[in-house]
C-alpha atoms as a PDB file:
ATOM      1  CA  UNK A   1      -9.248  -0.589  95.115  1.00  0.00           C
ATOM      2  CA  UNK A   2      -6.069  -2.368  96.175  1.00  0.00           C
ATOM      3  CA  UNK A   3      -5.354  -5.801  97.607  1.00  0.00           C
ATOM      4  CA  UNK A   4      -5.369  -4.287 101.110  1.00  0.00           C
ATOM      5  CA  UNK A   5      -8.558  -2.254 100.876  1.00  0.00           C
ATOM      6  CA  UNK A   6     -10.454  -2.801 104.148  1.00  0.00           C
ATOM      7  CA  UNK A   7      -7.911  -5.340 105.383  1.00  0.00           C
ATOM      8  CA  UNK A   8      -6.826  -5.045 109.023  1.00  0.00           C
ATOM      9  CA  UNK A   9      -3.191  -5.223 110.077  1.00  0.00           C
ATOM     10  CA  UNK A  10      -1.233  -5.236 113.339  1.00  0.00           C
ATOM     11  CA  UNK A  11       2.357  -3.956 113.216  1.00  0.00           C
ATOM     12  CA  UNK A  12       4.366  -4.197 116.428  1.00  0.00           C
ATOM     13  CA  UNK A  13       7.188  -1.734 116.880  1.00  0.00           C
ATOM     14  CA  UNK A  14       5.293   0.602 114.574  1.00  0.00           C
ATOM     15  CA  UNK A  15       6.598   3.873 115.964  1.00  0.00           C
ATOM     16  CA  UNK A  16       9.815   4.036 113.968  1.00  0.00           C
ATOM     17  CA  UNK A  17      12.016   2.430 111.339  1.00  0.00           C
ATOM     18  CA  UNK A  18      10.742  -0.575 109.420  1.00  0.00           C
ATOM     19  CA  UNK A  19       7.530  -0.823 111.460  1.00  0.00           C
ATOM     20  CA  UNK A  20       6.609   2.789 110.779  1.00  0.00           C
ATOM     21  CA  UNK A  21       7.344   2.419 107.060  1.00  0.00           C
ATOM     22  CA  UNK A  22       5.266  -0.756 106.866  1.00  0.00           C
ATOM     23  CA  UNK A  23       2.320   0.776 108.717  1.00  0.00           C
ATOM     24  CA  UNK A  24       2.253   3.815 106.443  1.00  0.00           C
ATOM     25  CA  UNK A  25       2.574   1.631 103.348  1.00  0.00           C
ATOM     26  CA  UNK A  26      -0.318  -0.612 104.408  1.00  0.00           C
ATOM     27  CA  UNK A  27      -2.452   2.445 105.121  1.00  0.00           C
ATOM     28  CA  UNK A  28      -1.610   3.966 101.750  1.00  0.00           C
ATOM     29  CA  UNK A  29      -2.818   0.717 100.171  1.00  0.00           C
ATOM     30  CA  UNK A  30      -6.163   0.976 101.944  1.00  0.00           C
ATOM     31  CA  UNK A  31      -5.598  -1.118 105.065  1.00  0.00           C
ATOM     32  CA  UNK A  32      -6.604  -0.247 108.608  1.00  0.00           C
ATOM     33  CA  UNK A  33      -3.548  -0.571 110.824  1.00  0.00           C
ATOM     34  CA  UNK A  34      -2.986  -0.880 114.558  1.00  0.00           C
ATOM     35  CA  UNK A  35       0.580  -0.056 115.572  1.00  0.00           C
ATOM     36  CA  UNK A  36       2.095  -0.780 118.962  1.00  0.00           C
ATOM     37  CA  UNK A  37       5.187   0.385 120.817  1.00  0.00           C
ATOM     38  CA  UNK A  38       6.307   0.911 124.387  1.00  0.00           C
ATOM     39  CA  UNK A  39       6.321   4.715 124.159  1.00  0.00           C
ATOM     40  CA  UNK A  40       3.357   6.870 123.201  1.00  0.00           C
ATOM     41  CA  UNK A  41       5.131   9.806 121.545  1.00  0.00           C
ATOM     42  CA  UNK A  42       6.361   7.968 118.413  1.00  0.00           C
ATOM     43  CA  UNK A  43       2.942   6.346 118.007  1.00  0.00           C
ATOM     44  CA  UNK A  44       1.215   9.727 118.081  1.00  0.00           C
ATOM     45  CA  UNK A  45       3.561  11.001 115.372  1.00  0.00           C
ATOM     46  CA  UNK A  46       2.794   8.064 113.074  1.00  0.00           C
ATOM     47  CA  UNK A  47      -0.970   8.117 113.593  1.00  0.00           C
ATOM     48  CA  UNK A  48      -0.995  11.828 112.761  1.00  0.00           C
ATOM     49  CA  UNK A  49       0.191  10.883 109.287  1.00  0.00           C
ATOM     50  CA  UNK A  50      -2.816   8.728 108.396  1.00  0.00           C
ATOM     51  CA  UNK A  51      -6.445   8.446 109.539  1.00  0.00           C
ATOM     52  CA  UNK A  52      -6.241   4.721 108.819  1.00  0.00           C
ATOM     53  CA  UNK A  53      -3.679   4.104 111.577  1.00  0.00           C
ATOM     54  CA  UNK A  54      -4.568   3.649 115.250  1.00  0.00           C
ATOM     55  CA  UNK A  55      -2.134   2.990 118.067  1.00  0.00           C
ATOM     56  CA  UNK A  56      -1.799   1.157 121.358  1.00  0.00           C
ATOM     57  CA  UNK A  57       0.953   1.470 123.934  1.00  0.00           C
ATOM     58  CA  UNK A  58       2.014  -2.133 124.467  1.00  0.00           C
ATOM     59  CA  UNK A  59       5.191  -4.084 125.148  1.00  0.00           C
ATOM     60  CA  UNK A  60       5.643  -7.400 123.353  1.00  0.00           C
ATOM     61  CA  UNK A  61       7.852  -8.522 126.248  1.00  0.00           C
ATOM     62  CA  UNK A  62       4.819  -8.388 128.556  1.00  0.00           C
ATOM     63  CA  UNK A  63       2.777 -11.593 128.086  1.00  0.00           C
ATOM     64  CA  UNK A  64      -0.561  -9.984 128.890  1.00  0.00           C
ATOM     65  CA  UNK A  65      -0.082  -7.391 126.133  1.00  0.00           C
ATOM     66  CA  UNK A  66      -0.440 -10.027 123.399  1.00  0.00           C
ATOM     67  CA  UNK A  67      -4.086 -10.686 124.131  1.00  0.00           C
ATOM     68  CA  UNK A  68      -4.692  -7.008 124.826  1.00  0.00           C
ATOM     69  CA  UNK A  69      -3.297  -6.045 121.408  1.00  0.00           C
ATOM     70  CA  UNK A  70      -5.421  -8.527 119.492  1.00  0.00           C
ATOM     71  CA  UNK A  71      -8.504  -7.636 121.538  1.00  0.00           C
ATOM     72  CA  UNK A  72      -8.004  -3.970 120.685  1.00  0.00           C
ATOM     73  CA  UNK A  73      -7.830  -4.539 116.936  1.00  0.00           C
ATOM     74  CA  UNK A  74     -10.991  -6.665 117.057  1.00  0.00           C
ATOM     75  CA  UNK A  75     -12.717  -3.999 119.144  1.00  0.00           C
ATOM     76  CA  UNK A  76     -11.783  -1.364 116.558  1.00  0.00           C
ATOM     77  CA  UNK A  77     -12.502  -3.208 113.311  1.00  0.00           C
ATOM     78  CA  UNK A  78     -13.864  -6.666 114.035  1.00  0.00           C
ATOM     79  CA  UNK A  79     -11.311  -8.656 112.064  1.00  0.00           C
ATOM     80  CA  UNK A  80      -7.601  -9.303 111.527  1.00  0.00           C
ATOM     81  CA  UNK A  81      -5.910 -10.122 108.232  1.00  0.00           C
ATOM     82  CA  UNK A  82      -2.180  -9.604 108.831  1.00  0.00           C
ATOM     83  CA  UNK A  83       0.104  -9.746 111.859  1.00  0.00           C
ATOM     84  CA  UNK A  84       3.567  -8.209 111.424  1.00  0.00           C
ATOM     85  CA  UNK A  85       5.882  -9.197 114.285  1.00  0.00           C
ATOM     86  CA  UNK A  86       8.345  -6.352 113.850  1.00  0.00           C
ATOM     87  CA  UNK A  87       9.274  -5.229 117.374  1.00  0.00           C
ATOM     88  CA  UNK A  88      12.779  -6.356 118.225  1.00  0.00           C
ATOM     89  CA  UNK A  89      15.402  -6.259 120.940  1.00  0.00           C
ATOM     90  CA  UNK A  90      19.131  -6.800 120.807  1.00  0.00           C
ATOM     91  CA  UNK A  91      22.489  -5.906 122.224  1.00  0.00           C
ATOM     92  CA  UNK A  92      26.147  -6.128 121.419  1.00  0.00           C
ATOM     93  CA  UNK A  93      26.756  -8.775 124.030  1.00  0.00           C
ATOM     94  CA  UNK A  94      30.031 -10.724 124.197  1.00  0.00           C
ATOM     95  CA  UNK A  95      29.575 -14.161 125.712  1.00  0.00           C
ATOM     96  CA  UNK A  96      31.678 -13.292 128.760  1.00  0.00           C
ATOM     97  CA  UNK A  97      29.319 -10.396 129.538  1.00  0.00           C
ATOM     98  CA  UNK A  98      26.078 -12.342 129.088  1.00  0.00           C
ATOM     99  CA  UNK A  99      23.781 -12.699 132.063  1.00  0.00           C
ATOM    100  CA  UNK A 100      20.532 -14.577 132.475  1.00  0.00           C
ATOM    101  CA  UNK A 101      18.662 -11.274 132.639  1.00  0.00           C
ATOM    102  CA  UNK A 102      20.215  -9.876 129.453  1.00  0.00           C
ATOM    103  CA  UNK A 103      19.588 -13.089 127.507  1.00  0.00           C
ATOM    104  CA  UNK A 104      16.008 -13.344 128.759  1.00  0.00           C
ATOM    105  CA  UNK A 105      15.266  -9.740 127.779  1.00  0.00           C
ATOM    106  CA  UNK A 106      16.261 -10.414 124.164  1.00  0.00           C
ATOM    107  CA  UNK A 107      14.318 -13.667 123.956  1.00  0.00           C
ATOM    108  CA  UNK A 108      11.240 -12.082 125.546  1.00  0.00           C
ATOM    109  CA  UNK A 109      10.897  -9.638 122.662  1.00  0.00           C
ATOM    110  CA  UNK A 110      12.230 -11.653 119.730  1.00  0.00           C
ATOM    111  CA  UNK A 111      10.845 -15.122 120.500  1.00  0.00           C
ATOM    112  CA  UNK A 112       8.279 -15.201 123.316  1.00  0.00           C
ATOM    113  CA  UNK A 113       6.410 -12.040 122.317  1.00  0.00           C
ATOM    114  CA  UNK A 114       5.872 -12.980 118.662  1.00  0.00           C
ATOM    115  CA  UNK A 115       4.789 -16.461 119.759  1.00  0.00           C
ATOM    116  CA  UNK A 116       2.133 -15.163 122.130  1.00  0.00           C
ATOM    117  CA  UNK A 117       0.873 -12.597 119.622  1.00  0.00           C
ATOM    118  CA  UNK A 118       0.641 -15.198 116.888  1.00  0.00           C
ATOM    119  CA  UNK A 119      -1.224 -17.578 119.188  1.00  0.00           C
ATOM    120  CA  UNK A 120      -3.718 -14.869 120.155  1.00  0.00           C
ATOM    121  CA  UNK A 121      -4.196 -13.903 116.502  1.00  0.00           C
ATOM    122  CA  UNK A 122      -4.725 -17.409 115.090  1.00  0.00           C
ATOM    123  CA  UNK A 123      -8.545 -17.616 115.447  1.00  0.00           C
ATOM    124  CA  UNK A 124      -9.020 -14.319 113.612  1.00  0.00           C
ATOM    125  CA  UNK A 125      -6.382 -14.988 110.953  1.00  0.00           C
ATOM    126  CA  UNK A 126      -8.022 -18.363 110.307  1.00  0.00           C
ATOM    127  CA  UNK A 127     -11.338 -16.613 109.690  1.00  0.00           C
ATOM    128  CA  UNK A 128      -9.780 -14.204 107.180  1.00  0.00           C
ATOM    129  CA  UNK A 129      -7.285 -16.694 105.660  1.00  0.00           C
ATOM    130  CA  UNK A 130      -4.667 -14.192 106.676  1.00  0.00           C
ATOM    131  CA  UNK A 131      -0.901 -14.001 107.055  1.00  0.00           C
ATOM    132  CA  UNK A 132       1.853 -13.606 109.618  1.00  0.00           C
ATOM    133  CA  UNK A 133       5.086 -11.853 108.654  1.00  0.00           C
ATOM    134  CA  UNK A 134       7.959 -12.092 111.125  1.00  0.00           C
ATOM    135  CA  UNK A 135      10.823  -9.620 110.892  1.00  0.00           C
ATOM    136  CA  UNK A 136      14.165 -11.338 111.261  1.00  0.00           C
ATOM    137  CA  UNK A 137      17.692 -10.191 110.491  1.00  0.00           C
ATOM    138  CA  UNK A 138      20.606 -11.152 108.289  1.00  0.00           C
ATOM    139  CA  UNK A 139      22.150 -12.407 111.513  1.00  0.00           C
ATOM    140  CA  UNK A 140      19.370 -14.923 111.942  1.00  0.00           C
ATOM    141  CA  UNK A 141      21.327 -17.038 109.457  1.00  0.00           C
ATOM    142  CA  UNK A 142      24.780 -15.377 109.338  1.00  0.00           C
ATOM    143  CA  UNK A 143      27.230 -15.632 112.221  1.00  0.00           C
ATOM    144  CA  UNK A 144      28.536 -12.502 113.913  1.00  0.00           C
ATOM    145  CA  UNK A 145      30.879 -12.047 116.857  1.00  0.00           C
ATOM    146  CA  UNK A 146      29.407 -10.350 119.929  1.00  0.00           C
ATOM    147  CA  UNK A 147      25.853 -10.742 118.610  1.00  0.00           C
ATOM    148  CA  UNK A 148      25.355 -14.387 119.508  1.00  0.00           C
ATOM    149  CA  UNK A 149      22.183 -14.113 121.575  1.00  0.00           C
ATOM    150  CA  UNK A 150      20.537 -11.567 119.293  1.00  0.00           C
ATOM    151  CA  UNK A 151      21.454 -13.760 116.311  1.00  0.00           C
ATOM    152  CA  UNK A 152      20.223 -16.898 118.054  1.00  0.00           C
ATOM    153  CA  UNK A 153      16.894 -15.229 118.834  1.00  0.00           C
ATOM    154  CA  UNK A 154      16.439 -14.305 115.176  1.00  0.00           C
ATOM    155  CA  UNK A 155      17.453 -17.817 114.095  1.00  0.00           C
ATOM    156  CA  UNK A 156      14.745 -19.089 116.428  1.00  0.00           C
ATOM    157  CA  UNK A 157      12.219 -16.697 114.887  1.00  0.00           C
ATOM    158  CA  UNK A 158      13.107 -17.928 111.403  1.00  0.00           C
ATOM    159  CA  UNK A 159      12.587 -21.541 112.418  1.00  0.00           C
ATOM    160  CA  UNK A 160       9.356 -20.660 114.185  1.00  0.00           C
ATOM    161  CA  UNK A 161       8.289 -19.172 110.848  1.00  0.00           C
ATOM    162  CA  UNK A 162       8.849 -22.478 109.080  1.00  0.00           C
ATOM    163  CA  UNK A 163       7.231 -24.548 111.822  1.00  0.00           C
ATOM    164  CA  UNK A 164       4.181 -22.283 112.081  1.00  0.00           C
ATOM    165  CA  UNK A 165       3.803 -22.381 108.307  1.00  0.00           C
ATOM    166  CA  UNK A 166       3.338 -26.142 108.497  1.00  0.00           C
ATOM    167  CA  UNK A 167       1.169 -26.022 111.605  1.00  0.00           C
ATOM    168  CA  UNK A 168      -1.161 -23.270 110.403  1.00  0.00           C
ATOM    169  CA  UNK A 169      -1.441 -24.188 106.723  1.00  0.00           C
ATOM    170  CA  UNK A 170      -4.504 -26.403 107.363  1.00  0.00           C
ATOM    171  CA  UNK A 171      -6.228 -23.313 108.777  1.00  0.00           C
ATOM    172  CA  UNK A 172      -5.413 -21.248 105.699  1.00  0.00           C
ATOM    173  CA  UNK A 173      -2.834 -19.033 107.437  1.00  0.00           C
ATOM    174  CA  UNK A 174       0.422 -18.261 105.654  1.00  0.00           C
ATOM    175  CA  UNK A 175       3.594 -17.535 107.651  1.00  0.00           C
ATOM    176  CA  UNK A 176       6.717 -15.954 106.176  1.00  0.00           C
ATOM    177  CA  UNK A 177       9.605 -13.798 107.337  1.00  0.00           C
ATOM    178  CA  UNK A 178      11.665 -10.905 106.045  1.00  0.00           C
ATOM    179  CA  UNK A 179      15.303 -10.974 107.145  1.00  0.00           C
ATOM    180  CA  UNK A 180      16.348  -7.352 107.067  1.00  0.00           C
ATOM    181  CA  UNK A 181      19.941  -6.269 106.707  1.00  0.00           C
ATOM    182  CA  UNK A 182      21.449  -3.108 108.212  1.00  0.00           C
ATOM    183  CA  UNK A 183      18.830  -0.419 107.708  1.00  0.00           C
ATOM    184  CA  UNK A 184      18.921   3.314 108.295  1.00  0.00           C
ATOM    185  CA  UNK A 185      17.208   3.791 111.654  1.00  0.00           C
ATOM    186  CA  UNK A 186      18.023   4.496 115.281  1.00  0.00           C
ATOM    187  CA  UNK A 187      18.540   0.802 116.078  1.00  0.00           C
ATOM    188  CA  UNK A 188      22.235   1.096 116.901  1.00  0.00           C
ATOM    189  CA  UNK A 189      21.829   4.036 119.263  1.00  0.00           C
ATOM    190  CA  UNK A 190      18.434   2.875 120.512  1.00  0.00           C
ATOM    191  CA  UNK A 191      18.056  -0.891 120.610  1.00  0.00           C
ATOM    192  CA  UNK A 192      21.806  -1.615 120.739  1.00  0.00           C
ATOM    193  CA  UNK A 193      22.594   1.257 123.094  1.00  0.00           C
ATOM    194  CA  UNK A 194      25.666   2.566 121.262  1.00  0.00           C
ATOM    195  CA  UNK A 195      26.991   6.104 121.352  1.00  0.00           C
ATOM    196  CA  UNK A 196      26.495   8.147 118.157  1.00  0.00           C
ATOM    197  CA  UNK A 197      30.233   7.886 117.460  1.00  0.00           C
ATOM    198  CA  UNK A 198      30.340   4.103 117.847  1.00  0.00           C
ATOM    199  CA  UNK A 199      27.154   3.752 115.787  1.00  0.00           C
ATOM    200  CA  UNK A 200      28.650   5.826 112.975  1.00  0.00           C
ATOM    201  CA  UNK A 201      31.777   3.650 112.938  1.00  0.00           C
ATOM    202  CA  UNK A 202      29.714   0.453 112.708  1.00  0.00           C
ATOM    203  CA  UNK A 203      27.531   1.932 109.958  1.00  0.00           C
ATOM    204  CA  UNK A 204      30.674   2.709 107.928  1.00  0.00           C
ATOM    205  CA  UNK A 205      31.890  -0.872 108.396  1.00  0.00           C
ATOM    206  CA  UNK A 206      28.520  -2.222 107.318  1.00  0.00           C
ATOM    207  CA  UNK A 207      28.506  -0.155 104.139  1.00  0.00           C
ATOM    208  CA  UNK A 208      31.919  -1.541 103.284  1.00  0.00           C
ATOM    209  CA  UNK A 209      30.845  -5.162 103.831  1.00  0.00           C
ATOM    210  CA  UNK A 210      27.465  -5.007 102.091  1.00  0.00           C
ATOM    211  CA  UNK A 211      27.984  -6.013  98.432  1.00  0.00           C
ATOM    212  CA  UNK A 212      25.757  -3.166  97.195  1.00  0.00           C
ATOM    213  CA  UNK A 213      27.831  -0.762  99.337  1.00  0.00           C
ATOM    214  CA  UNK A 214      25.001   0.907 101.191  1.00  0.00           C
ATOM    215  CA  UNK A 215      22.642   0.376 104.095  1.00  0.00           C
ATOM    216  CA  UNK A 216      18.979  -0.114 103.333  1.00  0.00           C
ATOM    217  CA  UNK A 217      16.121   2.259 104.052  1.00  0.00           C
ATOM    218  CA  UNK A 218      12.963   1.160 105.891  1.00  0.00           C
ATOM    219  CA  UNK A 219      10.718   1.471 102.847  1.00  0.00           C
ATOM    220  CA  UNK A 220      12.773  -1.103 100.964  1.00  0.00           C
ATOM    221  CA  UNK A 221      12.054  -3.673 103.670  1.00  0.00           C
ATOM    222  CA  UNK A 222       8.433  -2.597 104.042  1.00  0.00           C
ATOM    223  CA  UNK A 223       7.857  -3.315 100.348  1.00  0.00           C
ATOM    224  CA  UNK A 224       8.585  -7.004 100.967  1.00  0.00           C
ATOM    225  CA  UNK A 225       6.437  -7.132 104.083  1.00  0.00           C
ATOM    226  CA  UNK A 226       3.514  -5.981 101.961  1.00  0.00           C
ATOM    227  CA  UNK A 227       4.403  -8.406  99.176  1.00  0.00           C
ATOM    228  CA  UNK A 228       4.319 -11.398 101.533  1.00  0.00           C
ATOM    229  CA  UNK A 229       1.085 -10.143 103.104  1.00  0.00           C
ATOM    230  CA  UNK A 230      -0.662  -9.685  99.769  1.00  0.00           C
ATOM    231  CA  UNK A 231      -3.401 -12.265  99.083  1.00  0.00           C
ATOM    232  CA  UNK A 232      -1.820 -12.605  95.640  1.00  0.00           C
ATOM    233  CA  UNK A 233       1.062 -14.390  97.385  1.00  0.00           C
ATOM    234  CA  UNK A 234      -1.327 -17.097  98.575  1.00  0.00           C
ATOM    235  CA  UNK A 235       0.968 -19.941  97.478  1.00  0.00           C
ATOM    236  CA  UNK A 236       3.980 -18.650  99.428  1.00  0.00           C
ATOM    237  CA  UNK A 237       4.483 -19.849 102.987  1.00  0.00           C
ATOM    238  CA  UNK A 238       7.354 -20.945 105.212  1.00  0.00           C
ATOM    239  CA  UNK A 239       9.845 -18.665 103.468  1.00  0.00           C
ATOM    240  CA  UNK A 240      12.509 -16.319 104.827  1.00  0.00           C
ATOM    241  CA  UNK A 241      13.269 -13.554 102.330  1.00  0.00           C
ATOM    242  CA  UNK A 242      16.609 -11.770 102.809  1.00  0.00           C
ATOM    243  CA  UNK A 243      16.448  -8.037 102.053  1.00  0.00           C
ATOM    244  CA  UNK A 244      20.004  -6.999 102.865  1.00  0.00           C
ATOM    245  CA  UNK A 245      21.945  -5.771  99.847  1.00  0.00           C
ATOM    246  CA  UNK A 246      23.565  -9.187  99.456  1.00  0.00           C
ATOM    247  CA  UNK A 247      25.156  -9.233 102.931  1.00  0.00           C
ATOM    248  CA  UNK A 248      23.858 -12.702 103.762  1.00  0.00           C
ATOM    249  CA  UNK A 249      25.621 -14.282 100.773  1.00  0.00           C
ATOM    250  CA  UNK A 250      28.941 -12.495 101.198  1.00  0.00           C
END
């Protein structure tokens, strides 16, 4: 038996990258996991890899999907122990190109969505003395040109982490965050909308700037998500753990 045997976990953005790695790792440790994403195909691929993983097509930017996601996990397994707010949105967005719509779309996924999911999950996490893990970024606390609104949204998520930790501690709920550095995934071509050529150029620049001279892999971030979710970490709350090869201290 492991620390996650029969625990129940929600992972948003679980169809790829860090979310996929975290979902598979939780399942391997005995947890039952509900993953969400906007597209069904990636979810089907992940659930095929483990009988402990179920999926739900849901968009964290849609307010009604927060309650629907939590209701589904309770319908399936009757409890909730861990919420991983992993789904993210971003764009390379110079200030002079920012519009109200573009800014709102980033905040809807990175700030509003996690807030509504956490609020819907609180009664069940209080019952299980569970945990929330928010997935931030190095740029939640490190400045970067042309990423101001993405960075600001992650800075907001990090401060929400600290505020929720204080607010929810009396109910026995721990709240922490993992600030992931550049990680091997399709984020640059997918979330950021870059061409493969531009993405490759940025990846090369990132490798040069990261002190350990390489980009991370999703499993390296997932390991820390599990560590902060583990009941053995029951005296850790309000923390933001940087997993970024040293980029944040460069």
